[in-house]
Amino acid sequence: ARECWSAAGLSQLLQNAAYQHGTVADMVFGMCKNEDIVAVERVTSLFWCI
């Protein structure tokens, strides 16, 4: 899974301490709230491919 995030240019999000606690849903909603639209679109595309 980390390889997919890295290929999408999102590995820095996984390393962000703000997203290390809570559930996966907490992590995703935190990203949507705090990251720029480009990063959110990449996360969305990654989830769509799953």
Protein backbone atom coordinates (compact mmCIF):
# COMPACT_ATOMS: atom_id res chain seq x y z
CA ALA A 1 0.00 0.00 0.00
CA ARG A 2 2.84 2.41 0.77
CA GLU A 3 4.19 1.89 -2.74
CA CYS A 4 0.87 3.09 -4.18
CA TRP A 5 0.90 6.21 -2.03
CA SER A 6 4.50 6.85 -3.04
CA ALA A 7 3.73 6.39 -6.74
CA ALA A 8 0.90 8.92 -6.39
CA GLY A 9 3.31 11.40 -4.79
CA LEU A 10 1.57 11.14 -1.43
CA SER A 11 4.21 9.49 0.75
CA GLN A 12 4.76 12.74 2.67
CA LEU A 13 1.15 12.59 3.85
CA LEU A 14 1.68 9.15 5.37
CA GLN A 15 4.68 10.48 7.28
CA ASN A 16 2.80 13.49 8.66
CA ALA A 17 2.46 13.10 12.43
CA ALA A 18 -0.97 14.74 12.35
CA TYR A 19 -2.37 11.70 10.52
CA GLN A 20 -0.77 8.98 12.65
CA HIS A 21 -3.51 8.75 15.28
CA GLY A 22 -7.12 7.64 15.07
CA THR A 23 -8.94 5.60 12.48
CA VAL A 24 -8.45 5.52 8.73
CA ALA A 25 -11.58 7.66 8.43
CA ASP A 26 -10.02 10.23 10.80
CA MET A 27 -6.89 10.24 8.65
CA VAL A 28 -8.82 10.74 5.40
CA PHE A 29 -11.06 13.48 6.80
CA GLY A 30 -8.03 15.22 8.28
CA MET A 31 -6.31 15.18 4.90
CA CYS A 32 -9.41 16.57 3.21
CA LYS A 33 -9.59 19.34 5.79
CA ASN A 34 -5.91 20.28 5.95
CA GLU A 35 -4.30 19.54 2.59
CA ASP A 36 -4.50 21.45 -0.68
CA ILE A 37 -6.91 20.41 -3.41
CA VAL A 38 -4.19 18.72 -5.49
CA ALA A 39 -3.29 16.34 -2.67
CA VAL A 40 -6.96 15.64 -1.93
CA GLU A 41 -7.59 14.84 -5.61
CA ARG A 42 -4.65 12.42 -5.60
CA VAL A 43 -5.97 10.69 -2.47
CA THR A 44 -9.41 10.46 -4.09
CA SER A 45 -7.93 8.95 -7.25
CA LEU A 46 -5.97 6.44 -5.20
CA PHE A 47 -9.10 5.35 -3.32
CA TRP A 48 -11.08 5.16 -6.57
CA CYS A 49 -8.54 2.66 -7.93
CA ILE A 50 -9.03 0.39 -4.94
